Amino acid sequence: MSVASSPSRSLNISKISKSIKASVTKDVMFTLVNSLWRIISGPVTLVFIPLFLTSQVQGFWYTFISLAALTVFADLGFTTIVTQFAAHEYARLTFNAETGLFEGETNDIKRIGSLLRFVFKWSVSVGAVGFPVILSVGFLMFRGKGGNVNWPLPWCVYVLSSGLSFTTQSVLSFFEGCSQIAAIEKNKFVSAIASTIATLTFLYFGFNLYSLAFAAFIAAAINIGMLYFRFGKLIAQMVTESKGYIVNWKTDFLNLIWRYAISWSSGYFIFQIYTPLMFQFHGPAEAGKVGISMALASAAFSISYVWMYVANPKLNMYASTRNWKAMDKLFIKNLSLSLITFSLGAILVLSILYFYGDAFKFFHRFLGFVPMLILLLAWFFQIIINGLAVYLRAHKKEPLVVVSVALAIYIGITTLLITKYLPPKYLFLGFLTAVLWGLPVVAWIFVKKRKEWHV
């Protein structure tokens, strides 16, 4: 017996379809194109690494990446605050695409120009102090464990590239706040293509760790060039008009950054501690398995989180204008799309590992089905936590400091004990159990603060 579709059901489907189409703005489209490239390039790179690197070099490769993530201690949430402050200032301006300049009250243009000056000076100063420290940490960790692996010079080049990228990303975060996400994603797309091609080419010709270092340097150089090409005229306008105009941004930032600093520092232990610990206790080969598995899970997360990424500037603008209804609607819709996208990607990854994990030697370079299941489950709940945090931070406040520290301490201790005493397949149990108890706490804070602030 057939059942005809009811008009109301057809109407609901039509509404959902229109809602999704409306969500695909130019920002979303270019971000998704960039993410689509990552969908293509990520797996290809993951194939090339086991094919052209030994298990030892693979371990150094991913430990390089994890140690370079110590950038978080130089950033300390600065780039996120930059986006928020820029969005709040830009709410009173418009961007003229034909002239490539801001339009609005002269005083507002001077304010946002002085903010750009501050962002650049701060990032250069912090980078000059922070990245030599990161370089030294790497030398201390790798010394005596390299064997025949040539790591010192590639490590130096890679850290230098990370320093250049840090300053560039700080400026790009400023323009993200000014609703220039589409243009920024175009820049990232060009640099991502160049980086991937360079990585694969260098790997093919046997450059080993130099492949990672040189590709990172090329990407940093292209990002700097594209930043000047796309925003050079706008930067000149802001720098010229804000000359001599003083705003005490340092005080405003310091009032907020200490909270972000704690949260961002905690983030390193939540997301990046696994590969260095495995390197320390089980050697480069096991660290390589952890690193490449983390890269796979992180790729799924990054692709799905596009929806929240593109919503962030608008969430800040809605908070600035106190348009709570629009803010809630955008948040719920984009967080839902992120969770759906991640779930589809996780199912695909787990299906491949379950059916083909033992059949091909290639997959032996990864952790198995069980640790990947644990890791992907943890990331699913982490998407919700991240989404709630983005919503709260749009109010230029950071109420999750204590939770972040508690999660970091818990994950750091449990992961250290697991790495030392249990098989590698249980490595991510600390991460999963942390988000399982952390999510209800964050949700409670979210409900409480939303009610308190939206009056």
Protein backbone atom coordinates (compact mmCIF):
# COMPACT_ATOMS: atom_id res chain seq x y z
CA MET A 1 0.00 0.00 0.00
CA SER A 2 1.47 3.35 -1.03
CA VAL A 3 1.25 6.46 1.06
CA ALA A 4 1.08 9.85 -0.65
CA SER A 5 3.27 12.66 0.68
CA SER A 6 1.28 15.18 2.66
CA PRO A 7 1.39 18.89 1.64
CA SER A 8 2.77 19.83 5.07
CA ARG A 9 5.61 17.32 4.73
CA SER A 10 6.47 18.65 1.27
CA LEU A 11 6.38 22.16 2.66
CA ASN A 12 8.77 21.22 5.46
CA ILE A 13 11.21 19.66 3.00
CA SER A 14 10.98 22.77 0.85
CA LYS A 15 11.69 24.99 3.86
CA ILE A 16 14.71 22.89 4.85
CA SER A 17 16.03 23.03 1.29
CA LYS A 18 15.63 26.80 1.11
CA SER A 19 17.27 27.20 4.53
CA ILE A 20 20.32 25.21 3.43
CA LYS A 21 20.56 27.17 0.17
CA ALA A 22 20.36 30.43 2.10
CA SER A 23 23.18 29.21 4.34
CA VAL A 24 25.51 28.74 1.40
CA THR A 25 26.73 32.33 1.20
CA LYS A 26 29.82 33.39 -0.71
CA ASP A 27 31.82 32.98 2.51
CA VAL A 28 30.55 29.45 2.96
CA MET A 29 31.05 28.60 -0.71
CA PHE A 30 34.71 29.63 -0.83
CA THR A 31 35.38 28.04 2.54
CA LEU A 32 33.80 24.80 1.33
CA VAL A 33 35.87 24.95 -1.87
CA ASN A 34 38.95 25.29 0.30
CA SER A 35 37.76 22.39 2.44
CA LEU A 36 37.03 20.34 -0.68
CA TRP A 37 40.65 20.77 -1.65
CA ARG A 38 41.63 19.50 1.80
CA ILE A 39 39.33 16.51 1.25
CA ILE A 40 41.30 15.74 -1.92
CA SER A 41 44.80 16.75 -0.85
CA GLY A 42 44.63 15.39 2.70
CA PRO A 43 44.17 11.72 1.77
CA VAL A 44 46.71 12.01 -1.06
CA THR A 45 49.28 13.40 1.37
CA LEU A 46 48.38 10.71 3.90
CA VAL A 47 49.10 8.14 1.16
CA PHE A 48 52.41 9.69 0.15
CA ILE A 49 53.81 9.91 3.67
CA PRO A 50 53.84 6.13 4.38
CA LEU A 51 54.96 5.41 0.82
CA PHE A 52 57.95 7.76 0.74
CA LEU A 53 58.95 8.04 4.40
CA THR A 54 60.26 5.41 6.76
CA SER A 55 58.30 4.82 9.97
CA GLN A 56 61.04 6.69 11.86
CA VAL A 57 60.87 9.78 9.65
CA GLN A 58 57.07 9.68 9.75
CA GLY A 59 57.30 9.95 13.53
CA PHE A 60 59.53 13.03 13.27
CA TRP A 61 57.18 14.51 10.65
CA TYR A 62 54.13 14.51 12.91
CA THR A 63 56.12 15.42 16.01
CA PHE A 64 57.36 18.48 14.11
CA ILE A 65 53.74 19.46 13.54
CA SER A 66 52.74 18.86 17.16
CA LEU A 67 55.68 20.83 18.56
CA ALA A 68 55.07 23.68 16.12
CA ALA A 69 51.58 23.79 17.62
CA LEU A 70 53.32 25.29 20.65
CA THR A 71 52.54 28.42 18.67
CA VAL A 72 49.46 28.40 20.88
CA PHE A 73 51.65 29.74 23.69
CA ALA A 74 52.63 32.67 21.47
CA ASP A 75 49.07 33.19 20.27
CA LEU A 76 47.27 32.68 23.61
CA GLY A 77 43.96 33.38 21.90
CA PHE A 78 45.19 36.64 20.38
CA THR A 79 44.02 35.87 16.83
CA THR A 80 40.52 35.03 18.06
CA ILE A 81 40.33 38.25 20.06
CA VAL A 82 41.52 40.15 16.97
CA THR A 83 38.61 38.73 14.95
CA GLN A 84 36.16 39.71 17.67
CA PHE A 85 37.46 43.25 18.11
CA ALA A 86 37.64 43.81 14.34
CA ALA A 87 34.06 42.55 13.93
CA HIS A 88 32.81 44.91 16.64
CA GLU A 89 34.59 47.87 14.99
CA TYR A 90 33.55 46.87 11.46
CA ALA A 91 29.87 46.73 12.51
CA ARG A 92 29.78 50.51 11.93
CA LEU A 93 31.52 50.39 8.53
CA THR A 94 30.95 48.97 5.06
CA PHE A 95 33.41 47.63 2.50
CA ASN A 96 33.19 49.01 -1.05
CA ALA A 97 34.21 46.12 -3.31
CA GLU A 98 34.73 48.45 -6.30
CA THR A 99 37.17 50.81 -4.58
CA GLY A 100 38.57 48.20 -2.17
CA LEU A 101 38.19 50.66 0.72
CA PHE A 102 36.15 51.06 3.88
CA GLU A 103 33.32 53.58 3.96
CA GLY A 104 31.86 55.18 7.07
CA GLU A 105 32.58 57.83 9.66
CA THR A 106 36.17 59.06 9.62
CA ASN A 107 36.59 58.40 13.32
CA ASP A 108 35.45 54.77 12.90
CA ILE A 109 37.97 54.22 10.10
CA LYS A 110 40.69 55.71 12.29
CA ARG A 111 39.75 53.38 15.14
CA ILE A 112 39.86 50.24 13.04
CA GLY A 113 43.11 51.40 11.43
CA SER A 114 44.71 51.87 14.84
CA LEU A 115 43.55 48.35 15.71
CA LEU A 116 45.34 46.96 12.64
CA ARG A 117 48.54 48.77 13.66
CA PHE A 118 48.32 47.27 17.13
CA VAL A 119 47.68 43.76 15.79
CA PHE A 120 50.77 43.84 13.57
CA LYS A 121 53.09 45.23 16.25
CA TRP A 122 51.87 42.76 18.86
CA SER A 123 52.23 39.69 16.61
CA VAL A 124 55.76 40.62 15.51
CA SER A 125 56.89 41.28 19.09
CA VAL A 126 55.42 38.07 20.49
CA GLY A 127 56.73 35.99 17.59
CA ALA A 128 60.26 37.31 18.06
CA VAL A 129 60.22 35.98 21.63
CA GLY A 130 58.10 32.84 21.28
CA PHE A 131 59.51 31.05 18.25
CA PRO A 132 63.15 30.83 19.40
CA VAL A 133 61.73 29.09 22.49
CA ILE A 134 59.82 26.61 20.31
CA LEU A 135 62.99 25.99 18.31
CA SER A 136 64.90 25.20 21.49
CA VAL A 137 62.21 22.81 22.77
CA GLY A 138 62.50 20.83 19.54
CA PHE A 139 66.27 20.52 19.82
CA LEU A 140 65.94 19.27 23.39
CA MET A 141 63.34 16.65 22.46
CA PHE A 142 64.95 15.36 19.25
CA ARG A 143 68.53 15.30 20.48
CA GLY A 144 69.81 11.74 20.76
CA LYS A 145 66.72 10.17 19.14
CA GLY A 146 67.34 10.97 15.52
CA GLY A 147 69.47 7.97 14.58
CA ASN A 148 70.08 8.42 10.85
CA VAL A 149 67.28 10.99 10.50
CA ASN A 150 68.49 14.41 9.32
CA TRP A 151 66.23 16.70 11.38
CA PRO A 152 68.10 19.85 12.62
CA LEU A 153 67.99 22.05 9.49
CA PRO A 154 64.44 21.01 8.47
CA TRP A 155 63.29 21.82 12.01
CA CYS A 156 64.85 25.29 11.81
CA VAL A 157 63.19 26.04 8.45
CA TYR A 158 59.85 24.72 9.68
CA VAL A 159 59.91 26.89 12.82
CA LEU A 160 60.86 29.96 10.76
CA SER A 161 57.91 29.27 8.45
CA SER A 162 55.61 28.91 11.45
CA GLY A 163 56.76 32.30 12.73
CA LEU A 164 55.97 33.98 9.41
CA SER A 165 52.59 32.26 9.31
CA PHE A 166 51.80 33.42 12.84
CA THR A 167 52.13 37.11 11.97
CA THR A 168 50.28 36.64 8.69
CA GLN A 169 47.46 34.77 10.40
CA SER A 170 47.12 37.56 12.96
CA VAL A 171 46.50 40.07 10.16
CA LEU A 172 44.17 37.66 8.34
CA SER A 173 42.18 37.25 11.55
CA PHE A 174 41.68 41.00 11.52
CA PHE A 175 40.16 40.85 8.02
CA GLU A 176 38.04 37.84 8.98
CA GLY A 177 36.42 40.09 11.55
CA CYS A 178 35.78 42.59 8.74
CA SER A 179 33.67 40.00 6.88
CA GLN A 180 36.35 39.32 4.26
CA ILE A 181 36.22 35.55 4.71
CA ALA A 182 35.63 34.83 1.01
CA ALA A 183 38.76 36.75 -0.02
CA ILE A 184 40.80 35.15 2.75
CA GLU A 185 39.66 31.67 1.75
CA LYS A 186 40.77 32.40 -1.83
CA ASN A 187 44.21 33.21 -0.46
CA LYS A 188 44.27 30.05 1.62
CA PHE A 189 43.14 28.01 -1.38
CA VAL A 190 46.04 29.23 -3.53
CA SER A 191 48.60 28.65 -0.77
CA ALA A 192 47.10 25.24 0.05
CA ILE A 193 47.40 24.09 -3.57
CA ALA A 194 51.00 25.30 -3.74
CA SER A 195 51.83 23.69 -0.39
CA THR A 196 50.32 20.34 -1.35
CA ILE A 197 52.04 20.24 -4.73
CA ALA A 198 55.33 21.17 -3.11
CA THR A 199 54.93 18.56 -0.37
CA LEU A 200 54.12 15.74 -2.78
CA THR A 201 56.88 16.74 -5.21
CA PHE A 202 59.54 16.95 -2.51
CA LEU A 203 58.38 13.64 -1.02
CA TYR A 204 58.55 11.95 -4.42
CA PHE A 205 62.11 13.13 -4.97
CA GLY A 206 63.24 11.94 -1.55
CA PHE A 207 63.55 15.21 0.41
CA ASN A 208 62.13 13.55 3.54
CA LEU A 209 61.62 16.12 6.35
CA TYR A 210 62.68 18.93 4.02
CA SER A 211 59.40 18.28 2.20
CA LEU A 212 57.44 19.49 5.22
CA ALA A 213 59.79 22.41 5.91
CA PHE A 214 60.06 23.74 2.35
CA ALA A 215 56.32 23.37 1.69
CA ALA A 216 55.54 25.30 4.88
CA PHE A 217 57.90 28.08 3.83
CA ILE A 218 56.36 28.28 0.35
CA ALA A 219 52.86 28.47 1.84
CA ALA A 220 53.91 31.26 4.23
CA ALA A 221 55.50 33.28 1.43
CA ILE A 222 52.44 32.93 -0.80
CA ASN A 223 50.11 33.97 2.03
CA ILE A 224 52.16 37.12 2.61
CA GLY A 225 52.11 37.95 -1.10
CA MET A 226 48.39 37.32 -1.47
CA LEU A 227 47.64 39.36 1.65
CA TYR A 228 49.38 42.36 0.10
CA PHE A 229 47.73 41.76 -3.30
CA ARG A 230 44.17 41.54 -1.95
CA PHE A 231 44.28 43.99 0.94
CA GLY A 232 47.22 46.28 0.15
CA LYS A 233 44.99 49.22 -0.81
CA LEU A 234 42.78 48.76 2.24
CA ILE A 235 45.79 48.45 4.54
CA ALA A 236 47.22 51.67 3.08
CA GLN A 237 43.91 53.46 3.76
CA MET A 238 43.79 52.37 7.39
CA VAL A 239 47.46 53.01 8.10
CA THR A 240 47.33 56.47 6.51
CA GLU A 241 44.08 57.62 8.13
CA SER A 242 44.98 56.27 11.57
CA LYS A 243 48.41 57.89 11.66
CA GLY A 244 48.74 59.72 14.96
CA TYR A 245 45.38 58.39 16.16
CA ILE A 246 45.83 56.65 19.51
CA VAL A 247 43.53 54.08 21.08
CA ASN A 248 44.66 52.13 24.13
CA TRP A 249 43.99 48.72 22.59
CA LYS A 250 46.62 47.13 24.82
CA THR A 251 44.52 47.68 27.92
CA ASP A 252 41.38 46.35 26.21
CA PHE A 253 43.23 43.26 24.98
CA LEU A 254 44.98 42.56 28.27
CA ASN A 255 41.67 42.70 30.11
CA LEU A 256 40.54 39.75 27.99
CA ILE A 257 43.65 37.93 26.81
CA TRP A 258 44.68 36.52 30.18
CA ARG A 259 41.46 34.49 30.19
CA TYR A 260 41.98 33.41 26.59
CA ALA A 261 45.63 32.65 27.34
CA ILE A 262 44.66 30.07 29.93
CA SER A 263 42.07 28.49 27.65
CA TRP A 264 44.39 28.41 24.62
CA SER A 265 47.33 27.07 26.60
CA SER A 266 45.06 24.36 27.93
CA GLY A 267 44.10 23.60 24.34
CA TYR A 268 47.60 22.35 23.58
CA PHE A 269 47.30 19.62 26.19
CA ILE A 270 43.79 18.79 24.99
CA PHE A 271 44.63 18.48 21.28
CA GLN A 272 48.39 18.21 20.70
CA ILE A 273 49.97 16.29 23.58
CA TYR A 274 49.46 12.80 22.14
CA THR A 275 52.16 12.60 19.47
CA PRO A 276 55.00 14.06 21.60
CA LEU A 277 54.13 11.70 24.48
CA MET A 278 54.09 8.71 22.16
CA PHE A 279 57.41 9.87 20.68
CA GLN A 280 58.89 10.12 24.17
CA PHE A 281 57.70 6.75 25.52
CA HIS A 282 57.35 4.51 22.45
CA GLY A 283 59.63 6.08 19.83
CA PRO A 284 59.19 7.69 16.39
CA ALA A 285 57.41 4.73 14.71
CA GLU A 286 54.46 4.65 17.16
CA ALA A 287 54.39 8.45 17.23
CA GLY A 288 53.99 8.36 13.46
CA LYS A 289 50.89 6.17 13.76
CA VAL A 290 49.37 8.53 16.29
CA GLY A 291 50.26 11.58 14.23
CA ILE A 292 48.79 10.34 10.96
CA SER A 293 45.63 9.13 12.73
CA MET A 294 45.23 12.50 14.45
CA ALA A 295 45.71 14.19 11.08
CA LEU A 296 42.88 12.11 9.62
CA ALA A 297 40.50 12.91 12.48
CA SER A 298 41.48 16.57 12.49
CA ALA A 299 40.80 16.78 8.76
CA ALA A 300 37.26 15.51 9.31
CA PHE A 301 36.81 18.03 12.11
CA SER A 302 38.20 20.95 10.10
CA ILE A 303 35.96 20.24 7.12
CA SER A 304 32.83 19.95 9.22
CA TYR A 305 33.68 23.01 11.31
CA VAL A 306 33.59 25.23 8.24
CA TRP A 307 29.97 26.08 9.11
CA MET A 308 30.91 27.52 12.50
CA TYR A 309 34.02 29.21 11.15
CA VAL A 310 32.10 31.27 8.60
CA ALA A 311 29.43 32.12 11.19
CA ASN A 312 31.91 33.54 13.73
CA PRO A 313 32.21 37.13 12.39
CA LYS A 314 28.42 37.46 12.09
CA LEU A 315 27.91 36.07 15.58
CA ASN A 316 30.21 38.82 16.85
CA MET A 317 28.34 41.46 14.86
CA TYR A 318 24.96 40.26 16.16
CA ALA A 319 26.35 40.37 19.69
CA SER A 320 27.65 43.90 19.11
CA THR A 321 24.20 45.07 17.90
CA ARG A 322 22.37 42.89 20.48
CA ASN A 323 20.41 41.09 17.76
CA TRP A 324 19.93 37.98 19.91
CA LYS A 325 17.25 36.33 17.76
CA ALA A 326 19.39 36.39 14.62
CA MET A 327 22.41 35.26 16.64
CA ASP A 328 20.60 32.21 18.06
CA LYS A 329 19.15 31.23 14.70
CA LEU A 330 22.52 31.38 12.94
CA PHE A 331 24.25 29.47 15.76
CA ILE A 332 21.76 26.59 15.92
CA LYS A 333 21.65 26.17 12.15
CA ASN A 334 25.42 26.21 11.58
CA LEU A 335 26.27 24.02 14.58
CA SER A 336 23.74 21.44 13.35
CA LEU A 337 25.31 21.47 9.88
CA SER A 338 28.77 20.97 11.43
CA LEU A 339 27.62 17.94 13.41
CA ILE A 340 25.91 16.36 10.41
CA THR A 341 28.94 16.90 8.19
CA PHE A 342 31.33 15.43 10.77
CA SER A 343 29.10 12.39 11.36
CA LEU A 344 29.09 11.54 7.65
CA GLY A 345 32.88 11.87 7.46
CA ALA A 346 33.43 9.78 10.61
CA ILE A 347 31.18 6.99 9.31
CA LEU A 348 33.16 6.92 6.05
CA VAL A 349 36.53 6.73 7.84
CA LEU A 350 35.42 4.02 10.25
CA SER A 351 33.84 1.98 7.47
CA ILE A 352 37.08 1.98 5.47
CA LEU A 353 39.12 0.96 8.53
CA TYR A 354 36.65 -1.75 9.55
CA PHE A 355 36.42 -3.43 6.15
CA TYR A 356 39.92 -2.80 4.78
CA GLY A 357 42.10 -2.10 7.84
CA ASP A 358 43.65 -5.56 7.91
CA ALA A 359 43.64 -6.15 4.17
CA PHE A 360 46.22 -3.56 3.13
CA LYS A 361 49.63 -2.90 4.67
CA PHE A 362 49.14 0.79 4.02
CA PHE A 363 46.61 1.00 6.86
CA HIS A 364 49.12 -0.55 9.27
CA ARG A 365 50.74 2.91 9.47
CA PHE A 366 47.54 4.12 11.18
CA LEU A 367 46.07 3.25 14.54
CA GLY A 368 43.33 0.63 14.28
CA PHE A 369 39.53 0.75 14.28
CA VAL A 370 39.06 0.96 18.07
CA PRO A 371 41.36 3.96 18.75
CA MET A 372 39.93 5.77 15.70
CA LEU A 373 36.40 5.14 16.98
CA ILE A 374 37.35 6.58 20.37
CA LEU A 375 39.06 9.57 18.76
CA LEU A 376 36.20 10.40 16.38
CA LEU A 377 33.62 10.12 19.15
CA ALA A 378 35.66 12.56 21.22
CA TRP A 379 35.86 15.01 18.32
CA PHE A 380 32.08 14.80 17.80
CA PHE A 381 31.43 16.06 21.33
CA GLN A 382 34.29 18.54 21.00
CA ILE A 383 32.49 20.18 18.05
CA ILE A 384 29.58 20.97 20.39
CA ILE A 385 31.92 22.34 23.07
CA ASN A 386 33.75 24.47 20.49
CA GLY A 387 30.46 25.78 19.13
CA LEU A 388 29.21 26.82 22.56
CA ALA A 389 32.57 28.50 23.24
CA VAL A 390 32.42 30.47 19.98
CA TYR A 391 28.93 31.71 20.86
CA LEU A 392 29.99 32.84 24.33
CA ARG A 393 33.20 34.50 23.11
CA ALA A 394 31.22 36.53 20.58
CA HIS A 395 30.22 38.63 23.60
CA LYS A 396 33.94 39.54 24.09
CA LYS A 397 34.03 37.46 27.25
CA GLU A 398 35.67 34.17 28.23
CA PRO A 399 33.71 32.27 30.90
CA LEU A 400 35.28 28.87 30.19
CA VAL A 401 38.70 29.41 31.77
CA VAL A 402 38.23 27.05 34.72
CA VAL A 403 36.70 24.33 32.54
CA SER A 404 39.56 24.58 30.02
CA VAL A 405 42.18 24.23 32.74
CA ALA A 406 40.35 21.30 34.33
CA LEU A 407 40.07 19.52 30.97
CA ALA A 408 43.75 20.13 30.19
CA ILE A 409 44.93 18.81 33.56
CA TYR A 410 42.66 15.78 33.34
CA ILE A 411 43.67 14.94 29.76
CA GLY A 412 47.35 15.58 30.45
CA ILE A 413 47.45 13.26 33.47
CA THR A 414 45.27 10.48 32.03
CA THR A 415 47.07 10.51 28.67
CA LEU A 416 50.47 10.41 30.35
CA LEU A 417 49.42 7.38 32.42
CA ILE A 418 47.76 5.66 29.46
CA THR A 419 50.80 6.23 27.22
CA LYS A 420 53.15 4.86 29.84
CA TYR A 421 51.19 1.84 31.06
CA LEU A 422 48.58 0.83 28.44
CA PRO A 423 48.69 -0.22 24.76
CA PRO A 424 48.54 2.62 22.18
CA LYS A 425 44.95 1.75 21.18
CA TYR A 426 43.70 3.24 24.47
CA LEU A 427 45.60 6.50 24.00
CA PHE A 428 42.51 8.68 23.42
CA LEU A 429 40.39 7.41 26.32
CA GLY A 430 41.42 10.41 28.38
CA PHE A 431 40.25 12.75 25.60
CA LEU A 432 36.89 10.97 25.24
CA THR A 433 36.08 10.77 28.94
CA ALA A 434 37.11 14.42 29.34
CA VAL A 435 34.63 15.70 26.75
CA LEU A 436 31.91 13.42 28.15
CA TRP A 437 32.06 15.15 31.55
CA GLY A 438 33.13 18.50 30.14
CA LEU A 439 30.18 18.95 27.77
CA PRO A 440 27.47 19.08 30.48
CA VAL A 441 29.54 21.61 32.44
CA VAL A 442 30.05 23.83 29.39
CA ALA A 443 26.35 23.54 28.49
CA TRP A 444 25.37 24.64 32.01
CA ILE A 445 27.67 27.68 31.78
CA PHE A 446 26.28 28.44 28.31
CA VAL A 447 22.66 28.48 29.51
CA LYS A 448 23.53 30.53 32.59
CA LYS A 449 25.59 33.17 30.77
CA ARG A 450 23.20 33.46 27.83
CA LYS A 451 20.35 34.18 30.23
CA GLU A 452 22.50 36.66 32.14
CA TRP A 453 23.82 38.56 29.10
CA HIS A 454 20.69 38.62 26.92
CA VAL A 455 18.63 41.03 28.97
